[in-house]
């Protein structure tokens, strides 16, 4: 089912849409906006997946029975790792 919407866009967005249609890349402004919505929906889905993966990693970390690393040691390890990465580039 489709529904007609009325939206207000800034002039530069309208110009970009019209340019895409005028160039022949898209056949209509609706097609441009549908493609933009598909891209936005993909981005939202990927964001949700990344967030779920981060939450799972945090949960695994919190559930890990190994002893924790003192904060000062953790910073030393992170700095050393960052230094190694920078030197390798």
PDB file of N, CA and C in Angstrom:
ATOM      1  N   UNK A   1       0.846  -1.184   0.000  1.00  0.00           N
ATOM      2  CA  UNK A   1       0.000   0.000   0.000  1.00  0.00           C
ATOM      3  C   UNK A   1       0.884   1.237   0.000  1.00  0.00           C
ATOM      4  N   UNK A   2       0.535   2.205  -0.768  1.00  0.00           N
ATOM      5  CA  UNK A   2       1.275   3.458  -0.842  1.00  0.00           C
ATOM      6  C   UNK A   2       0.480   4.563  -0.189  1.00  0.00           C
ATOM      7  N   UNK A   3       1.218   5.547   0.287  1.00  0.00           N
ATOM      8  CA  UNK A   3       0.571   6.706   0.873  1.00  0.00           C
ATOM      9  C   UNK A   3       1.284   7.950   0.385  1.00  0.00           C
ATOM     10  N   UNK A   4       0.545   8.927  -0.017  1.00  0.00           N
ATOM     11  CA  UNK A   4       1.116  10.171  -0.497  1.00  0.00           C
ATOM     12  C   UNK A   4       1.456  11.047   0.700  1.00  0.00           C
ATOM     13  N   UNK A   5       2.674  11.581   0.699  1.00  0.00           N
ATOM     14  CA  UNK A   5       3.129  12.462   1.767  1.00  0.00           C
ATOM     15  C   UNK A   5       3.493  13.814   1.190  1.00  0.00           C
ATOM     16  N   UNK A   6       3.365  14.815   1.997  1.00  0.00           N
ATOM     17  CA  UNK A   6       3.817  16.150   1.627  1.00  0.00           C
ATOM     18  C   UNK A   6       4.938  16.516   2.582  1.00  0.00           C
ATOM     19  N   UNK A   7       6.121  16.844   2.016  1.00  0.00           N
ATOM     20  CA  UNK A   7       7.267  17.178   2.864  1.00  0.00           C
ATOM     21  C   UNK A   7       7.864  18.507   2.420  1.00  0.00           C
ATOM     22  N   UNK A   8       8.571  19.125   3.326  1.00  0.00           N
ATOM     23  CA  UNK A   8       9.275  20.364   3.022  1.00  0.00           C
ATOM     24  C   UNK A   8      10.764  20.089   3.147  1.00  0.00           C
ATOM     25  N   UNK A   9      11.511  20.407   2.094  1.00  0.00           N
ATOM     26  CA  UNK A   9      12.949  20.190   2.074  1.00  0.00           C
ATOM     27  C   UNK A   9      13.676  21.505   1.836  1.00  0.00           C
ATOM     28  N   UNK A  10      14.908  21.603   2.310  1.00  0.00           N
ATOM     29  CA  UNK A  10      15.708  22.791   2.023  1.00  0.00           C
ATOM     30  C   UNK A  10      15.986  22.891   0.516  1.00  0.00           C
ATOM     31  N   UNK A  11      16.211  24.095   0.066  1.00  0.00           N
ATOM     32  CA  UNK A  11      16.414  24.360  -1.368  1.00  0.00           C
ATOM     33  C   UNK A  11      17.539  23.520  -1.961  1.00  0.00           C
ATOM     34  N   UNK A  12      18.634  23.331  -1.214  1.00  0.00           N
ATOM     35  CA  UNK A  12      19.745  22.560  -1.773  1.00  0.00           C
ATOM     36  C   UNK A  12      19.384  21.089  -1.977  1.00  0.00           C
ATOM     37  N   UNK A  13      18.529  20.548  -1.123  1.00  0.00           N
ATOM     38  CA  UNK A  13      18.082  19.165  -1.313  1.00  0.00           C
ATOM     39  C   UNK A  13      17.158  19.063  -2.522  1.00  0.00           C
ATOM     40  N   UNK A  14      16.263  20.018  -2.654  1.00  0.00           N
ATOM     41  CA  UNK A  14      15.359  20.038  -3.810  1.00  0.00           C
ATOM     42  C   UNK A  14      16.170  20.142  -5.095  1.00  0.00           C
ATOM     43  N   UNK A  15      17.180  21.005  -5.106  1.00  0.00           N
ATOM     44  CA  UNK A  15      18.023  21.167  -6.294  1.00  0.00           C
ATOM     45  C   UNK A  15      18.752  19.865  -6.619  1.00  0.00           C
ATOM     46  N   UNK A  16      19.246  19.176  -5.606  1.00  0.00           N
ATOM     47  CA  UNK A  16      19.952  17.910  -5.830  1.00  0.00           C
ATOM     48  C   UNK A  16      19.004  16.859  -6.405  1.00  0.00           C
ATOM     49  N   UNK A  17      17.788  16.822  -5.895  1.00  0.00           N
ATOM     50  CA  UNK A  17      16.795  15.870  -6.401  1.00  0.00           C
ATOM     51  C   UNK A  17      16.479  16.178  -7.856  1.00  0.00           C
ATOM     52  N   UNK A  18      16.204  17.453  -8.149  1.00  0.00           N
ATOM     53  CA  UNK A  18      15.874  17.840  -9.526  1.00  0.00           C
ATOM     54  C   UNK A  18      17.030  17.573 -10.472  1.00  0.00           C
ATOM     55  N   UNK A  19      18.249  17.796 -10.011  1.00  0.00           N
ATOM     56  CA  UNK A  19      19.432  17.541 -10.837  1.00  0.00           C
ATOM     57  C   UNK A  19      19.549  16.054 -11.157  1.00  0.00           C
ATOM     58  N   UNK A  20      19.258  15.203 -10.185  1.00  0.00           N
ATOM     59  CA  UNK A  20      19.313  13.757 -10.413  1.00  0.00           C
ATOM     60  C   UNK A  20      18.273  13.311 -11.429  1.00  0.00           C
ATOM     61  N   UNK A  21      17.094  13.917 -11.372  1.00  0.00           N
ATOM     62  CA  UNK A  21      16.043  13.576 -12.331  1.00  0.00           C
ATOM     63  C   UNK A  21      16.398  14.144 -13.704  1.00  0.00           C
ATOM     64  N   UNK A  22      16.828  15.413 -13.748  1.00  0.00           N
ATOM     65  CA  UNK A  22      17.165  16.046 -15.029  1.00  0.00           C
ATOM     66  C   UNK A  22      18.322  15.337 -15.739  1.00  0.00           C
ATOM     67  N   UNK A  23      19.239  14.765 -14.966  1.00  0.00           N
ATOM     68  CA  UNK A  23      20.382  14.079 -15.569  1.00  0.00           C
ATOM     69  C   UNK A  23      20.000  12.714 -16.119  1.00  0.00           C
ATOM     70  N   UNK A  24      18.808  12.239 -15.778  1.00  0.00           N
ATOM     71  CA  UNK A  24      18.354  10.940 -16.248  1.00  0.00           C
ATOM     72  C   UNK A  24      18.714   9.795 -15.314  1.00  0.00           C
ATOM     73  N   UNK A  25      19.404  10.111 -14.231  1.00  0.00           N
ATOM     74  CA  UNK A  25      19.775   9.051 -13.284  1.00  0.00           C
ATOM     75  C   UNK A  25      18.522   8.436 -12.654  1.00  0.00           C
ATOM     76  N   UNK A  26      17.538   9.271 -12.390  1.00  0.00           N
ATOM     77  CA  UNK A  26      16.256   8.815 -11.842  1.00  0.00           C
ATOM     78  C   UNK A  26      15.150   9.317 -12.754  1.00  0.00           C
ATOM     79  N   UNK A  27      14.044   8.583 -12.766  1.00  0.00           N
ATOM     80  CA  UNK A  27      12.952   8.978 -13.662  1.00  0.00           C
ATOM     81  C   UNK A  27      11.983   9.961 -13.019  1.00  0.00           C
ATOM     82  N   UNK A  28      12.028  10.079 -11.663  1.00  0.00           N
ATOM     83  CA  UNK A  28      11.095  10.992 -10.993  1.00  0.00           C
ATOM     84  C   UNK A  28      11.639  11.368  -9.615  1.00  0.00           C
ATOM     85  N   UNK A  29      11.075  12.432  -9.068  1.00  0.00           N
ATOM     86  CA  UNK A  29      11.461  12.817  -7.709  1.00  0.00           C
ATOM     87  C   UNK A  29      11.060  11.734  -6.715  1.00  0.00           C
ATOM     88  N   UNK A  30       9.943  11.065  -6.967  1.00  0.00           N
ATOM     89  CA  UNK A  30       9.514   9.975  -6.083  1.00  0.00           C
ATOM     90  C   UNK A  30      10.549   8.851  -6.067  1.00  0.00           C
ATOM     91  N   UNK A  31      11.110   8.554  -7.221  1.00  0.00           N
ATOM     92  CA  UNK A  31      12.122   7.499  -7.295  1.00  0.00           C
ATOM     93  C   UNK A  31      13.363   7.887  -6.485  1.00  0.00           C
ATOM     94  N   UNK A  32      13.766   9.142  -6.561  1.00  0.00           N
ATOM     95  CA  UNK A  32      14.909   9.623  -5.774  1.00  0.00           C
ATOM     96  C   UNK A  32      14.620   9.453  -4.290  1.00  0.00           C
ATOM     97  N   UNK A  33      13.448   9.886  -3.879  1.00  0.00           N
ATOM     98  CA  UNK A  33      13.104   9.809  -2.458  1.00  0.00           C
ATOM     99  C   UNK A  33      12.935   8.376  -1.984  1.00  0.00           C
ATOM    100  N   UNK A  34      12.409   7.495  -2.830  1.00  0.00           N
ATOM    101  CA  UNK A  34      12.307   6.082  -2.441  1.00  0.00           C
ATOM    102  C   UNK A  34      13.699   5.488  -2.249  1.00  0.00           C
ATOM    103  N   UNK A  35      14.622   5.819  -3.152  1.00  0.00           N
ATOM    104  CA  UNK A  35      15.995   5.327  -3.020  1.00  0.00           C
ATOM    105  C   UNK A  35      16.647   5.885  -1.755  1.00  0.00           C
ATOM    106  N   UNK A  36      16.398   7.150  -1.462  1.00  0.00           N
ATOM    107  CA  UNK A  36      16.938   7.757  -0.240  1.00  0.00           C
ATOM    108  C   UNK A  36      16.380   7.050   0.996  1.00  0.00           C
ATOM    109  N   UNK A  37      15.114   6.720   0.975  1.00  0.00           N
ATOM    110  CA  UNK A  37      14.506   6.020   2.111  1.00  0.00           C
ATOM    111  C   UNK A  37      15.071   4.611   2.260  1.00  0.00           C
ATOM    112  N   UNK A  38      15.297   3.928   1.131  1.00  0.00           N
ATOM    113  CA  UNK A  38      15.897   2.585   1.206  1.00  0.00           C
ATOM    114  C   UNK A  38      17.289   2.671   1.832  1.00  0.00           C
ATOM    115  N   UNK A  39      18.072   3.665   1.425  1.00  0.00           N
ATOM    116  CA  UNK A  39      19.417   3.839   1.986  1.00  0.00           C
ATOM    117  C   UNK A  39      19.337   4.156   3.476  1.00  0.00           C
ATOM    118  N   UNK A  40      18.410   5.014   3.859  1.00  0.00           N
ATOM    119  CA  UNK A  40      18.236   5.360   5.275  1.00  0.00           C
ATOM    120  C   UNK A  40      17.830   4.130   6.079  1.00  0.00           C
ATOM    121  N   UNK A  41      16.921   3.332   5.520  1.00  0.00           N
ATOM    122  CA  UNK A  41      16.476   2.134   6.227  1.00  0.00           C
ATOM    123  C   UNK A  41      17.625   1.132   6.382  1.00  0.00           C
ATOM    124  N   UNK A  42      18.466   0.997   5.342  1.00  0.00           N
ATOM    125  CA  UNK A  42      19.650   0.123   5.454  1.00  0.00           C
ATOM    126  C   UNK A  42      20.584   0.636   6.541  1.00  0.00           C
ATOM    127  N   UNK A  43      20.822   1.956   6.560  1.00  0.00           N
ATOM    128  CA  UNK A  43      21.680   2.552   7.587  1.00  0.00           C
ATOM    129  C   UNK A  43      21.128   2.291   8.981  1.00  0.00           C
ATOM    130  N   UNK A  44      19.837   2.460   9.137  1.00  0.00           N
ATOM    131  CA  UNK A  44      19.204   2.219  10.439  1.00  0.00           C
ATOM    132  C   UNK A  44      19.355   0.758  10.859  1.00  0.00           C
ATOM    133  N   UNK A  45      19.168  -0.151   9.911  1.00  0.00           N
ATOM    134  CA  UNK A  45      19.301  -1.579  10.216  1.00  0.00           C
ATOM    135  C   UNK A  45      20.747  -1.911  10.602  1.00  0.00           C
ATOM    136  N   UNK A  46      21.710  -1.373   9.841  1.00  0.00           N
ATOM    137  CA  UNK A  46      23.117  -1.604  10.154  1.00  0.00           C
ATOM    138  C   UNK A  46      23.475  -1.024  11.516  1.00  0.00           C
ATOM    139  N   UNK A  47      22.942   0.142  11.823  1.00  0.00           N
ATOM    140  CA  UNK A  47      23.181   0.754  13.130  1.00  0.00           C
ATOM    141  C   UNK A  47      22.636  -0.137  14.245  1.00  0.00           C
ATOM    142  N   UNK A  48      21.434  -0.643  14.057  1.00  0.00           N
ATOM    143  CA  UNK A  48      20.833  -1.523  15.057  1.00  0.00           C
ATOM    144  C   UNK A  48      21.658  -2.800  15.227  1.00  0.00           C
ATOM    145  N   UNK A  49      22.176  -3.337  14.120  1.00  0.00           N
ATOM    146  CA  UNK A  49      23.011  -4.538  14.186  1.00  0.00           C
ATOM    147  C   UNK A  49      24.317  -4.258  14.926  1.00  0.00           C
ATOM    148  N   UNK A  50      24.951  -3.105  14.633  1.00  0.00           N
ATOM    149  CA  UNK A  50      26.188  -2.735  15.331  1.00  0.00           C
ATOM    150  C   UNK A  50      25.928  -2.558  16.818  1.00  0.00           C
ATOM    151  N   UNK A  51      24.825  -1.919  17.147  1.00  0.00           N
ATOM    152  CA  UNK A  51      24.470  -1.714  18.552  1.00  0.00           C
ATOM    153  C   UNK A  51      24.227  -3.048  19.256  1.00  0.00           C
ATOM    154  N   UNK A  52      23.537  -3.962  18.597  1.00  0.00           N
ATOM    155  CA  UNK A  52      23.290  -5.290  19.175  1.00  0.00           C
ATOM    156  C   UNK A  52      24.605  -6.041  19.374  1.00  0.00           C
ATOM    157  N   UNK A  53      25.520  -5.916  18.404  1.00  0.00           N
ATOM    158  CA  UNK A  53      26.824  -6.585  18.528  1.00  0.00           C
ATOM    159  C   UNK A  53      27.614  -6.001  19.690  1.00  0.00           C
ATOM    160  N   UNK A  54      27.583  -4.675  19.829  1.00  0.00           N
ATOM    161  CA  UNK A  54      28.279  -4.044  20.956  1.00  0.00           C
ATOM    162  C   UNK A  54      27.681  -4.488  22.287  1.00  0.00           C
ATOM    163  N   UNK A  55      26.374  -4.527  22.353  1.00  0.00           N
ATOM    164  CA  UNK A  55      25.716  -4.965  23.593  1.00  0.00           C
ATOM    165  C   UNK A  55      26.082  -6.414  23.918  1.00  0.00           C
ATOM    166  N   UNK A  56      26.157  -7.256  22.889  1.00  0.00           N
ATOM    167  CA  UNK A  56      26.527  -8.655  23.106  1.00  0.00           C
ATOM    168  C   UNK A  56      27.968  -8.755  23.608  1.00  0.00           C
ATOM    169  N   UNK A  57      28.868  -7.941  23.033  1.00  0.00           N
ATOM    170  CA  UNK A  57      30.266  -7.962  23.483  1.00  0.00           C
ATOM    171  C   UNK A  57      30.378  -7.472  24.925  1.00  0.00           C
ATOM    172  N   UNK A  58      29.621  -6.441  25.251  1.00  0.00           N
ATOM    173  CA  UNK A  58      29.633  -5.928  26.628  1.00  0.00           C
ATOM    174  C   UNK A  58      29.118  -6.997  27.579  1.00  0.00           C
ATOM    175  N   UNK A  59      28.038  -7.668  27.189  1.00  0.00           N
ATOM    176  CA  UNK A  59      27.476  -8.723  28.035  1.00  0.00           C
ATOM    177  C   UNK A  59      28.483  -9.846  28.229  1.00  0.00           C
ATOM    178  N   UNK A  60      29.137 -10.276  27.123  1.00  0.00           N
ATOM    179  CA  UNK A  60      30.152 -11.329  27.243  1.00  0.00           C
ATOM    180  C   UNK A  60      31.275 -10.894  28.175  1.00  0.00           C
ATOM    181  N   UNK A  61      31.664  -9.636  28.066  1.00  0.00           N
ATOM    182  CA  UNK A  61      32.730  -9.120  28.916  1.00  0.00           C
ATOM    183  C   UNK A  61      32.307  -9.113  30.382  1.00  0.00           C
ATOM    184  N   UNK A  62      31.095  -8.655  30.636  1.00  0.00           N
ATOM    185  CA  UNK A  62      30.604  -8.616  32.011  1.00  0.00           C
ATOM    186  C   UNK A  62      30.425 -10.014  32.589  1.00  0.00           C
ATOM    187  N   UNK A  63      30.070 -10.964  31.732  1.00  0.00           N
ATOM    188  CA  UNK A  63      29.848 -12.338  32.177  1.00  0.00           C
ATOM    189  C   UNK A  63      31.144 -13.153  32.256  1.00  0.00           C
ATOM    190  N   UNK A  64      32.245 -12.597  31.743  1.00  0.00           N
ATOM    191  CA  UNK A  64      33.521 -13.314  31.712  1.00  0.00           C
ATOM    192  C   UNK A  64      34.036 -13.533  33.137  1.00  0.00           C
ATOM    193  N   UNK A  65      34.350 -14.780  33.492  1.00  0.00           N
ATOM    194  CA  UNK A  65      34.795 -15.054  34.863  1.00  0.00           C
ATOM    195  C   UNK A  65      36.251 -14.665  35.134  1.00  0.00           C
ATOM    196  N   UNK A  66      37.005 -14.318  34.081  1.00  0.00           N
ATOM    197  CA  UNK A  66      38.402 -13.938  34.303  1.00  0.00           C
ATOM    198  C   UNK A  66      38.460 -12.675  35.161  1.00  0.00           C
ATOM    199  N   UNK A  67      39.556 -12.517  35.924  1.00  0.00           N
ATOM    200  CA  UNK A  67      39.669 -11.322  36.768  1.00  0.00           C
ATOM    201  C   UNK A  67      39.750 -10.052  35.910  1.00  0.00           C
ATOM    202  N   UNK A  68      39.263  -8.973  36.461  1.00  0.00           N
ATOM    203  CA  UNK A  68      39.290  -7.701  35.744  1.00  0.00           C
ATOM    204  C   UNK A  68      40.696  -7.127  35.747  1.00  0.00           C
ATOM    205  N   UNK A  69      40.940  -6.202  34.819  1.00  0.00           N
ATOM    206  CA  UNK A  69      42.225  -5.511  34.719  1.00  0.00           C
ATOM    207  C   UNK A  69      42.064  -4.163  35.401  1.00  0.00           C
ATOM    208  N   UNK A  70      42.989  -3.813  36.304  1.00  0.00           N
ATOM    209  CA  UNK A  70      42.894  -2.482  36.917  1.00  0.00           C
ATOM    210  C   UNK A  70      42.905  -1.387  35.838  1.00  0.00           C
ATOM    211  N   UNK A  71      42.191  -0.303  36.084  1.00  0.00           N
ATOM    212  CA  UNK A  71      42.022   0.753  35.091  1.00  0.00           C
ATOM    213  C   UNK A  71      43.353   1.304  34.604  1.00  0.00           C
ATOM    214  N   UNK A  72      44.295   1.548  35.507  1.00  0.00           N
ATOM    215  CA  UNK A  72      45.605   2.076  35.089  1.00  0.00           C
ATOM    216  C   UNK A  72      46.300   1.116  34.135  1.00  0.00           C
ATOM    217  N   UNK A  73      46.233  -0.183  34.416  1.00  0.00           N
ATOM    218  CA  UNK A  73      46.841  -1.174  33.524  1.00  0.00           C
ATOM    219  C   UNK A  73      46.140  -1.188  32.170  1.00  0.00           C
ATOM    220  N   UNK A  74      44.840  -1.047  32.192  1.00  0.00           N
ATOM    221  CA  UNK A  74      44.086  -1.036  30.940  1.00  0.00           C
ATOM    222  C   UNK A  74      44.519   0.135  30.069  1.00  0.00           C
ATOM    223  N   UNK A  75      44.683   1.323  30.654  1.00  0.00           N
ATOM    224  CA  UNK A  75      45.120   2.487  29.882  1.00  0.00           C
ATOM    225  C   UNK A  75      46.526   2.274  29.331  1.00  0.00           C
ATOM    226  N   UNK A  76      47.406   1.679  30.115  1.00  0.00           N
ATOM    227  CA  UNK A  76      48.769   1.392  29.642  1.00  0.00           C
ATOM    228  C   UNK A  76      48.701   0.464  28.437  1.00  0.00           C
ATOM    229  N   UNK A  77      47.857  -0.572  28.510  1.00  0.00           N
ATOM    230  CA  UNK A  77      47.718  -1.519  27.396  1.00  0.00           C
ATOM    231  C   UNK A  77      47.142  -0.838  26.154  1.00  0.00           C
ATOM    232  N   UNK A  78      46.144  -0.001  26.350  1.00  0.00           N
ATOM    233  CA  UNK A  78      45.516   0.688  25.215  1.00  0.00           C
ATOM    234  C   UNK A  78      46.511   1.633  24.558  1.00  0.00           C
ATOM    235  N   UNK A  79      47.241   2.397  25.370  1.00  0.00           N
ATOM    236  CA  UNK A  79      48.248   3.316  24.802  1.00  0.00           C
ATOM    237  C   UNK A  79      49.323   2.552  24.041  1.00  0.00           C
ATOM    238  N   UNK A  80      49.791   1.431  24.603  1.00  0.00           N
ATOM    239  CA  UNK A  80      50.817   0.632  23.938  1.00  0.00           C
ATOM    240  C   UNK A  80      50.294   0.088  22.611  1.00  0.00           C
ATOM    241  N   UNK A  81      49.059  -0.370  22.605  1.00  0.00           N
ATOM    242  CA  UNK A  81      48.458  -0.881  21.373  1.00  0.00           C
ATOM    243  C   UNK A  81      48.327   0.236  20.338  1.00  0.00           C
ATOM    244  N   UNK A  82      47.878   1.387  20.757  1.00  0.00           N
ATOM    245  CA  UNK A  82      47.738   2.530  19.840  1.00  0.00           C
ATOM    246  C   UNK A  82      49.099   2.931  19.287  1.00  0.00           C
ATOM    247  N   UNK A  83      50.126   2.933  20.134  1.00  0.00           N
ATOM    248  CA  UNK A  83      51.471   3.272  19.678  1.00  0.00           C
ATOM    249  C   UNK A  83      51.954   2.277  18.627  1.00  0.00           C
ATOM    250  N   UNK A  84      51.697   0.986  18.864  1.00  0.00           N
ATOM    251  CA  UNK A  84      52.094  -0.035  17.885  1.00  0.00           C
ATOM    252  C   UNK A  84      51.377   0.177  16.557  1.00  0.00           C
ATOM    253  N   UNK A  85      50.106   0.493  16.614  1.00  0.00           N
ATOM    254  CA  UNK A  85      49.346   0.747  15.390  1.00  0.00           C
ATOM    255  C   UNK A  85      49.908   1.948  14.636  1.00  0.00           C
ATOM    256  N   UNK A  86      50.210   3.008  15.353  1.00  0.00           N
ATOM    257  CA  UNK A  86      50.745   4.215  14.707  1.00  0.00           C
ATOM    258  C   UNK A  86      52.105   3.941  14.084  1.00  0.00           C
ATOM    259  N   UNK A  87      52.945   3.193  14.774  1.00  0.00           N
ATOM    260  CA  UNK A  87      54.286   2.878  14.242  1.00  0.00           C
ATOM    261  C   UNK A  87      54.202   1.977  13.016  1.00  0.00           C
ATOM    262  N   UNK A  88      53.199   1.114  12.968  1.00  0.00           N
ATOM    263  CA  UNK A  88      53.078   0.187  11.843  1.00  0.00           C
ATOM    264  C   UNK A  88      52.585   0.874  10.566  1.00  0.00           C
ATOM    265  N   UNK A  89      52.086   2.067  10.712  1.00  0.00           N
ATOM    266  CA  UNK A  89      51.591   2.821   9.537  1.00  0.00           C
ATOM    267  C   UNK A  89      52.700   3.637   9.041  1.00  0.00           C
TER     268      UNK A  89
END
